């Protein structure tokens, strides 16, 4: 079903980015690489990733679904040191063989048929797209979390902003079009839960490039690369502002 060797850090980033929203997931394998898509238990946020076969040192796979406990896999990958390669073999529906240097693990798999069905990807048309560093976004989100449980992401007159309003305090972060890597489209404004965004930002804070797709009272889509042929994507539903 699957036999591969890949940089442990690449796989760890994918698993960590996914495990902040879901405990378990169905990883799809094909001749082109692996992919995953899952929604959290509250149906508020979705995470997906793709890792092309070019990211692997060795990759052989059939079309299949592998049910994985993400937290257990993350714990195992956490043993790896920088530069380590991880070897993974799945030959049946019951277990995954994992080898990191001279350490070998057998991880029990989950029956994919007993897991939630993969979520449908909605057809969304965003009115604005922003590209900047993960560090910039993470810093603004951490600042907003000091005073509120919700945050507004928006674009107005070629300025991308993140703002939060507390009972007696407020915070606003701005980046002009010239300060951003890229800004496309028109105005946008939506409110989101900081609980979700704070967790998500932990996964992309070190990414040199993060793309944010926005609308008005609309979901936000956040994408960032983990390698040249691998990407993580989040989709988060908005909280509609009261009049």
C-alpha atoms as a PDB file:
ATOM      1  CA  UNK A   1       0.000   0.000   0.000  1.00  0.00           C
ATOM      2  CA  UNK A   2       2.747   2.483   0.962  1.00  0.00           C
ATOM      3  CA  UNK A   3       6.525   2.474   1.230  1.00  0.00           C
ATOM      4  CA  UNK A   4       8.352   5.779   1.560  1.00  0.00           C
ATOM      5  CA  UNK A   5      11.295   7.681   3.008  1.00  0.00           C
ATOM      6  CA  UNK A   6      10.971  11.383   3.767  1.00  0.00           C
ATOM      7  CA  UNK A   7      12.548  14.111   5.888  1.00  0.00           C
ATOM      8  CA  UNK A   8      10.998  13.667   9.336  1.00  0.00           C
ATOM      9  CA  UNK A   9      10.610  17.431   9.797  1.00  0.00           C
ATOM     10  CA  UNK A  10       8.433  17.763   6.684  1.00  0.00           C
ATOM     11  CA  UNK A  11       6.089  15.024   7.844  1.00  0.00           C
ATOM     12  CA  UNK A  12       6.052  16.365  11.400  1.00  0.00           C
ATOM     13  CA  UNK A  13       4.950  19.807  10.170  1.00  0.00           C
ATOM     14  CA  UNK A  14       2.069  18.288   8.206  1.00  0.00           C
ATOM     15  CA  UNK A  15       0.901  16.148  11.109  1.00  0.00           C
ATOM     16  CA  UNK A  16       1.208  18.967  13.654  1.00  0.00           C
ATOM     17  CA  UNK A  17      -0.722  21.375  11.430  1.00  0.00           C
ATOM     18  CA  UNK A  18      -3.527  18.811  11.155  1.00  0.00           C
ATOM     19  CA  UNK A  19      -3.622  17.588  14.759  1.00  0.00           C
ATOM     20  CA  UNK A  20      -4.513  21.022  16.133  1.00  0.00           C
ATOM     21  CA  UNK A  21      -7.973  20.537  14.597  1.00  0.00           C
ATOM     22  CA  UNK A  22      -8.563  16.781  14.442  1.00  0.00           C
ATOM     23  CA  UNK A  23      -7.434  13.748  16.432  1.00  0.00           C
ATOM     24  CA  UNK A  24      -7.537  11.284  13.567  1.00  0.00           C
ATOM     25  CA  UNK A  25      -7.577  11.485   9.796  1.00  0.00           C
ATOM     26  CA  UNK A  26      -7.690   9.459   6.613  1.00  0.00           C
ATOM     27  CA  UNK A  27      -4.492   9.888   4.631  1.00  0.00           C
ATOM     28  CA  UNK A  28      -4.996   9.196   0.945  1.00  0.00           C
ATOM     29  CA  UNK A  29      -2.143   7.718  -1.037  1.00  0.00           C
ATOM     30  CA  UNK A  30      -1.732   7.667  -4.801  1.00  0.00           C
ATOM     31  CA  UNK A  31       1.048   7.448  -7.335  1.00  0.00           C
ATOM     32  CA  UNK A  32       1.377  11.256  -7.127  1.00  0.00           C
ATOM     33  CA  UNK A  33       1.827  11.544  -3.345  1.00  0.00           C
ATOM     34  CA  UNK A  34      -0.232  11.748  -0.163  1.00  0.00           C
ATOM     35  CA  UNK A  35      -3.085  14.041   0.835  1.00  0.00           C
ATOM     36  CA  UNK A  36      -5.536  14.572   3.678  1.00  0.00           C
ATOM     37  CA  UNK A  37      -8.699  16.583   4.324  1.00  0.00           C
ATOM     38  CA  UNK A  38     -10.653  16.735   7.592  1.00  0.00           C
ATOM     39  CA  UNK A  39     -13.012  19.003   9.519  1.00  0.00           C
ATOM     40  CA  UNK A  40     -13.027  19.635  13.270  1.00  0.00           C
ATOM     41  CA  UNK A  41     -15.765  18.223  15.514  1.00  0.00           C
ATOM     42  CA  UNK A  42     -17.611  21.563  15.644  1.00  0.00           C
ATOM     43  CA  UNK A  43     -17.660  21.836  11.824  1.00  0.00           C
ATOM     44  CA  UNK A  44     -16.084  25.290  12.099  1.00  0.00           C
ATOM     45  CA  UNK A  45     -12.660  24.667  10.553  1.00  0.00           C
ATOM     46  CA  UNK A  46     -11.164  22.403   7.909  1.00  0.00           C
ATOM     47  CA  UNK A  47      -7.558  21.404   7.359  1.00  0.00           C
ATOM     48  CA  UNK A  48      -6.034  19.779   4.310  1.00  0.00           C
ATOM     49  CA  UNK A  49      -2.575  19.025   3.039  1.00  0.00           C
ATOM     50  CA  UNK A  50      -0.854  17.668  -0.030  1.00  0.00           C
ATOM     51  CA  UNK A  51       2.656  16.282  -0.293  1.00  0.00           C
ATOM     52  CA  UNK A  52       3.832  15.378  -3.769  1.00  0.00           C
ATOM     53  CA  UNK A  53       6.047  12.390  -4.474  1.00  0.00           C
ATOM     54  CA  UNK A  54       8.934  14.741  -5.324  1.00  0.00           C
ATOM     55  CA  UNK A  55       9.210  15.551  -1.597  1.00  0.00           C
ATOM     56  CA  UNK A  56      10.156  11.929  -0.841  1.00  0.00           C
ATOM     57  CA  UNK A  57      13.528  10.256  -1.210  1.00  0.00           C
ATOM     58  CA  UNK A  58      11.666   7.024  -1.925  1.00  0.00           C
ATOM     59  CA  UNK A  59       7.982   6.743  -2.730  1.00  0.00           C
ATOM     60  CA  UNK A  60       5.899   3.746  -3.792  1.00  0.00           C
ATOM     61  CA  UNK A  61       2.149   3.666  -3.220  1.00  0.00           C
ATOM     62  CA  UNK A  62      -1.171   2.323  -4.425  1.00  0.00           C
ATOM     63  CA  UNK A  63      -4.490   4.148  -4.345  1.00  0.00           C
ATOM     64  CA  UNK A  64      -5.606   3.686  -0.742  1.00  0.00           C
ATOM     65  CA  UNK A  65      -6.856   5.281   2.487  1.00  0.00           C
ATOM     66  CA  UNK A  66      -4.944   4.961   5.754  1.00  0.00           C
ATOM     67  CA  UNK A  67      -6.671   5.791   9.042  1.00  0.00           C
ATOM     68  CA  UNK A  68      -4.184   7.388  11.434  1.00  0.00           C
ATOM     69  CA  UNK A  69      -4.216   8.627  15.033  1.00  0.00           C
ATOM     70  CA  UNK A  70      -2.490  11.957  14.397  1.00  0.00           C
ATOM     71  CA  UNK A  71      -1.466  12.601  17.988  1.00  0.00           C
ATOM     72  CA  UNK A  72       0.278   9.233  18.276  1.00  0.00           C
ATOM     73  CA  UNK A  73       2.048   9.791  14.970  1.00  0.00           C
ATOM     74  CA  UNK A  74       3.093  13.282  16.066  1.00  0.00           C
ATOM     75  CA  UNK A  75       4.546  11.892  19.292  1.00  0.00           C
ATOM     76  CA  UNK A  76       6.614   9.350  17.382  1.00  0.00           C
ATOM     77  CA  UNK A  77       7.877  11.916  14.869  1.00  0.00           C
ATOM     78  CA  UNK A  78       8.838  14.150  17.783  1.00  0.00           C
ATOM     79  CA  UNK A  79      11.626  11.679  18.593  1.00  0.00           C
ATOM     80  CA  UNK A  80      13.393  12.539  15.335  1.00  0.00           C
ATOM     81  CA  UNK A  81      16.311  14.954  15.330  1.00  0.00           C
ATOM     82  CA  UNK A  82      16.987  17.633  12.744  1.00  0.00           C
ATOM     83  CA  UNK A  83      18.033  16.042   9.473  1.00  0.00           C
ATOM     84  CA  UNK A  84      16.633  12.604  10.315  1.00  0.00           C
ATOM     85  CA  UNK A  85      14.779  10.619   7.682  1.00  0.00           C
ATOM     86  CA  UNK A  86      11.704   8.580   8.521  1.00  0.00           C
ATOM     87  CA  UNK A  87      10.880   5.336   6.748  1.00  0.00           C
ATOM     88  CA  UNK A  88       7.202   4.333   6.631  1.00  0.00           C
ATOM     89  CA  UNK A  89       5.731   1.065   5.429  1.00  0.00           C
ATOM     90  CA  UNK A  90       2.047   0.134   5.332  1.00  0.00           C
ATOM     91  CA  UNK A  91       1.340  -3.308   3.907  1.00  0.00           C
ATOM     92  CA  UNK A  92      -2.092  -3.966   5.443  1.00  0.00           C
ATOM     93  CA  UNK A  93      -5.010  -2.164   7.103  1.00  0.00           C
ATOM     94  CA  UNK A  94      -3.853  -2.848  10.647  1.00  0.00           C
ATOM     95  CA  UNK A  95      -0.455  -1.251  11.227  1.00  0.00           C
ATOM     96  CA  UNK A  96       2.127   1.265  10.065  1.00  0.00           C
ATOM     97  CA  UNK A  97       5.817   0.430  10.397  1.00  0.00           C
ATOM     98  CA  UNK A  98       7.928   3.487  11.223  1.00  0.00           C
ATOM     99  CA  UNK A  99      11.715   3.627  11.410  1.00  0.00           C
ATOM    100  CA  UNK A 100      13.813   6.617  12.503  1.00  0.00           C
ATOM    101  CA  UNK A 101      17.547   5.867  12.592  1.00  0.00           C
ATOM    102  CA  UNK A 102      17.847   2.767  14.808  1.00  0.00           C
ATOM    103  CA  UNK A 103      14.358   3.161  16.330  1.00  0.00           C
ATOM    104  CA  UNK A 104      11.449   1.086  15.042  1.00  0.00           C
ATOM    105  CA  UNK A 105       7.762   1.541  15.854  1.00  0.00           C
ATOM    106  CA  UNK A 106       4.554  -0.229  14.974  1.00  0.00           C
ATOM    107  CA  UNK A 107       1.570   2.126  15.001  1.00  0.00           C
ATOM    108  CA  UNK A 108      -1.924   0.650  14.992  1.00  0.00           C
ATOM    109  CA  UNK A 109      -4.146   2.013  12.237  1.00  0.00           C
ATOM    110  CA  UNK A 110      -7.825   2.968  12.322  1.00  0.00           C
ATOM    111  CA  UNK A 111     -10.386   1.415  10.003  1.00  0.00           C
ATOM    112  CA  UNK A 112     -11.125   4.225   7.492  1.00  0.00           C
ATOM    113  CA  UNK A 113     -14.736   3.061   7.127  1.00  0.00           C
ATOM    114  CA  UNK A 114     -15.337   3.828  10.824  1.00  0.00           C
ATOM    115  CA  UNK A 115     -14.141   7.430  10.469  1.00  0.00           C
ATOM    116  CA  UNK A 116     -15.998  10.560   9.424  1.00  0.00           C
ATOM    117  CA  UNK A 117     -16.521  11.032   5.727  1.00  0.00           C
ATOM    118  CA  UNK A 118     -14.133  13.488   4.082  1.00  0.00           C
ATOM    119  CA  UNK A 119     -15.661  16.980   4.041  1.00  0.00           C
ATOM    120  CA  UNK A 120     -16.799  18.529   0.797  1.00  0.00           C
ATOM    121  CA  UNK A 121     -14.685  21.486  -0.272  1.00  0.00           C
ATOM    122  CA  UNK A 122     -17.028  24.465  -0.738  1.00  0.00           C
ATOM    123  CA  UNK A 123     -16.854  26.531  -3.906  1.00  0.00           C
ATOM    124  CA  UNK A 124     -15.729  29.916  -2.595  1.00  0.00           C
ATOM    125  CA  UNK A 125     -15.018  33.170  -4.407  1.00  0.00           C
ATOM    126  CA  UNK A 126     -12.817  35.441  -2.316  1.00  0.00           C
ATOM    127  CA  UNK A 127     -12.687  39.196  -2.837  1.00  0.00           C
ATOM    128  CA  UNK A 128      -9.128  39.731  -1.557  1.00  0.00           C
ATOM    129  CA  UNK A 129      -5.844  37.843  -1.281  1.00  0.00           C
ATOM    130  CA  UNK A 130      -2.915  38.817   0.926  1.00  0.00           C
ATOM    131  CA  UNK A 131       0.577  37.333   1.067  1.00  0.00           C
ATOM    132  CA  UNK A 132       3.083  38.048   3.837  1.00  0.00           C
ATOM    133  CA  UNK A 133       5.306  36.182   6.296  1.00  0.00           C
ATOM    134  CA  UNK A 134       3.941  33.825   8.914  1.00  0.00           C
ATOM    135  CA  UNK A 135       5.840  35.761  11.568  1.00  0.00           C
ATOM    136  CA  UNK A 136       3.882  38.951  10.808  1.00  0.00           C
ATOM    137  CA  UNK A 137       0.504  37.223  11.063  1.00  0.00           C
ATOM    138  CA  UNK A 138       1.413  35.278  14.186  1.00  0.00           C
ATOM    139  CA  UNK A 139       2.600  38.427  15.968  1.00  0.00           C
ATOM    140  CA  UNK A 140      -0.663  40.236  15.204  1.00  0.00           C
ATOM    141  CA  UNK A 141      -2.782  37.269  16.303  1.00  0.00           C
ATOM    142  CA  UNK A 142      -0.869  36.946  19.573  1.00  0.00           C
ATOM    143  CA  UNK A 143      -1.335  40.665  20.214  1.00  0.00           C
ATOM    144  CA  UNK A 144      -5.079  40.420  19.537  1.00  0.00           C
ATOM    145  CA  UNK A 145      -5.459  37.450  21.884  1.00  0.00           C
ATOM    146  CA  UNK A 146      -4.329  39.639  24.800  1.00  0.00           C
ATOM    147  CA  UNK A 147      -7.540  41.670  24.696  1.00  0.00           C
ATOM    148  CA  UNK A 148     -10.293  39.681  22.955  1.00  0.00           C
ATOM    149  CA  UNK A 149     -11.648  36.276  21.964  1.00  0.00           C
ATOM    150  CA  UNK A 150     -12.348  37.394  18.397  1.00  0.00           C
ATOM    151  CA  UNK A 151     -10.397  39.181  15.715  1.00  0.00           C
ATOM    152  CA  UNK A 152     -11.260  40.961  12.477  1.00  0.00           C
ATOM    153  CA  UNK A 153      -9.220  40.357   9.330  1.00  0.00           C
ATOM    154  CA  UNK A 154      -9.764  42.794   6.510  1.00  0.00           C
ATOM    155  CA  UNK A 155      -8.551  44.779   3.537  1.00  0.00           C
ATOM    156  CA  UNK A 156      -9.474  48.408   2.946  1.00  0.00           C
ATOM    157  CA  UNK A 157      -7.982  50.841   0.433  1.00  0.00           C
ATOM    158  CA  UNK A 158      -4.950  48.619  -0.257  1.00  0.00           C
ATOM    159  CA  UNK A 159      -4.235  48.130   3.456  1.00  0.00           C
ATOM    160  CA  UNK A 160      -4.416  44.718   5.129  1.00  0.00           C
ATOM    161  CA  UNK A 161      -5.410  44.923   8.782  1.00  0.00           C
ATOM    162  CA  UNK A 162      -6.019  42.759  11.822  1.00  0.00           C
ATOM    163  CA  UNK A 163      -7.938  44.329  14.685  1.00  0.00           C
ATOM    164  CA  UNK A 164      -9.468  43.306  17.995  1.00  0.00           C
ATOM    165  CA  UNK A 165     -11.760  45.096  20.424  1.00  0.00           C
ATOM    166  CA  UNK A 166     -11.925  44.332  24.137  1.00  0.00           C
ATOM    167  CA  UNK A 167     -14.150  45.798  26.848  1.00  0.00           C
ATOM    168  CA  UNK A 168     -11.858  48.788  27.319  1.00  0.00           C
ATOM    169  CA  UNK A 169      -8.946  48.133  24.952  1.00  0.00           C
ATOM    170  CA  UNK A 170      -8.366  47.819  21.242  1.00  0.00           C
ATOM    171  CA  UNK A 171      -5.578  46.640  18.929  1.00  0.00           C
ATOM    172  CA  UNK A 172      -4.947  47.225  15.235  1.00  0.00           C
ATOM    173  CA  UNK A 173      -2.202  45.839  13.008  1.00  0.00           C
ATOM    174  CA  UNK A 174      -1.735  47.236   9.498  1.00  0.00           C
ATOM    175  CA  UNK A 175       0.391  46.465   6.455  1.00  0.00           C
ATOM    176  CA  UNK A 176       0.216  48.517   3.273  1.00  0.00           C
ATOM    177  CA  UNK A 177       0.360  47.029  -0.202  1.00  0.00           C
ATOM    178  CA  UNK A 178       4.025  48.046  -0.459  1.00  0.00           C
ATOM    179  CA  UNK A 179       4.851  46.274   2.824  1.00  0.00           C
ATOM    180  CA  UNK A 180       3.114  43.037   1.812  1.00  0.00           C
ATOM    181  CA  UNK A 181       4.564  40.462  -0.551  1.00  0.00           C
ATOM    182  CA  UNK A 182       1.340  40.671  -2.536  1.00  0.00           C
ATOM    183  CA  UNK A 183      -2.151  42.144  -2.297  1.00  0.00           C
ATOM    184  CA  UNK A 184      -4.854  41.379  -4.847  1.00  0.00           C
ATOM    185  CA  UNK A 185      -8.549  42.174  -5.088  1.00  0.00           C
ATOM    186  CA  UNK A 186     -10.718  44.681  -3.276  1.00  0.00           C
ATOM    187  CA  UNK A 187     -12.043  45.325   0.205  1.00  0.00           C
ATOM    188  CA  UNK A 188     -12.946  42.585   2.684  1.00  0.00           C
ATOM    189  CA  UNK A 189     -13.847  42.261   6.363  1.00  0.00           C
ATOM    190  CA  UNK A 190     -14.693  39.214   8.483  1.00  0.00           C
ATOM    191  CA  UNK A 191     -14.548  38.261  12.159  1.00  0.00           C
ATOM    192  CA  UNK A 192     -13.048  34.994  13.414  1.00  0.00           C
ATOM    193  CA  UNK A 193     -12.469  33.067  16.630  1.00  0.00           C
ATOM    194  CA  UNK A 194      -9.018  33.650  18.084  1.00  0.00           C
ATOM    195  CA  UNK A 195      -9.060  30.179  19.634  1.00  0.00           C
ATOM    196  CA  UNK A 196      -8.830  28.697  16.154  1.00  0.00           C
ATOM    197  CA  UNK A 197      -6.512  31.290  14.623  1.00  0.00           C
ATOM    198  CA  UNK A 198      -4.109  31.134  17.574  1.00  0.00           C
ATOM    199  CA  UNK A 199      -3.737  27.384  17.137  1.00  0.00           C
ATOM    200  CA  UNK A 200      -3.361  27.668  13.374  1.00  0.00           C
ATOM    201  CA  UNK A 201      -0.702  30.360  13.651  1.00  0.00           C
ATOM    202  CA  UNK A 202       1.517  27.998  15.653  1.00  0.00           C
ATOM    203  CA  UNK A 203       1.827  25.914  12.492  1.00  0.00           C
ATOM    204  CA  UNK A 204       2.659  28.723  10.070  1.00  0.00           C
ATOM    205  CA  UNK A 205       4.530  31.234  12.269  1.00  0.00           C
ATOM    206  CA  UNK A 206       7.890  30.091  10.879  1.00  0.00           C
ATOM    207  CA  UNK A 207       6.701  29.957   7.274  1.00  0.00           C
ATOM    208  CA  UNK A 208       8.358  32.571   5.044  1.00  0.00           C
ATOM    209  CA  UNK A 209       5.134  32.949   3.068  1.00  0.00           C
ATOM    210  CA  UNK A 210       1.479  32.719   4.094  1.00  0.00           C
ATOM    211  CA  UNK A 211      -1.465  33.451   1.793  1.00  0.00           C
ATOM    212  CA  UNK A 212      -4.745  34.688   3.258  1.00  0.00           C
ATOM    213  CA  UNK A 213      -7.922  34.701   1.145  1.00  0.00           C
ATOM    214  CA  UNK A 214     -10.732  36.910   2.463  1.00  0.00           C
ATOM    215  CA  UNK A 215     -14.259  38.151   1.822  1.00  0.00           C
ATOM    216  CA  UNK A 216     -16.904  40.053   3.773  1.00  0.00           C
ATOM    217  CA  UNK A 217     -18.655  37.974   6.456  1.00  0.00           C
ATOM    218  CA  UNK A 218     -17.002  35.088   4.650  1.00  0.00           C
ATOM    219  CA  UNK A 219     -14.685  32.179   5.495  1.00  0.00           C
ATOM    220  CA  UNK A 220     -10.938  32.735   5.491  1.00  0.00           C
ATOM    221  CA  UNK A 221      -8.581  30.413   3.652  1.00  0.00           C
ATOM    222  CA  UNK A 222      -4.979  30.291   4.857  1.00  0.00           C
ATOM    223  CA  UNK A 223      -2.319  28.387   2.910  1.00  0.00           C
ATOM    224  CA  UNK A 224       1.398  27.952   3.481  1.00  0.00           C
ATOM    225  CA  UNK A 225       4.128  25.686   2.075  1.00  0.00           C
ATOM    226  CA  UNK A 226       6.057  23.099   4.062  1.00  0.00           C
ATOM    227  CA  UNK A 227       8.324  22.236   1.141  1.00  0.00           C
ATOM    228  CA  UNK A 228       8.492  22.898  -2.597  1.00  0.00           C
ATOM    229  CA  UNK A 229       5.891  20.212  -3.315  1.00  0.00           C
ATOM    230  CA  UNK A 230       3.917  20.271  -0.068  1.00  0.00           C
ATOM    231  CA  UNK A 231       1.273  22.672   1.241  1.00  0.00           C
ATOM    232  CA  UNK A 232      -1.138  23.014   4.171  1.00  0.00           C
ATOM    233  CA  UNK A 233      -4.482  24.779   3.879  1.00  0.00           C
ATOM    234  CA  UNK A 234      -6.924  25.930   6.568  1.00  0.00           C
ATOM    235  CA  UNK A 235     -10.512  27.041   6.034  1.00  0.00           C
ATOM    236  CA  UNK A 236     -12.254  28.793   8.942  1.00  0.00           C
ATOM    237  CA  UNK A 237     -15.891  29.865   9.140  1.00  0.00           C
ATOM    238  CA  UNK A 238     -16.576  33.477  10.178  1.00  0.00           C
ATOM    239  CA  UNK A 239     -18.403  34.800  13.194  1.00  0.00           C
ATOM    240  CA  UNK A 240     -21.034  37.207  11.927  1.00  0.00           C
ATOM    241  CA  UNK A 241     -20.707  40.608  13.585  1.00  0.00           C
ATOM    242  CA  UNK A 242     -23.760  41.904  15.435  1.00  0.00           C
ATOM    243  CA  UNK A 243     -25.286  45.147  14.234  1.00  0.00           C
END
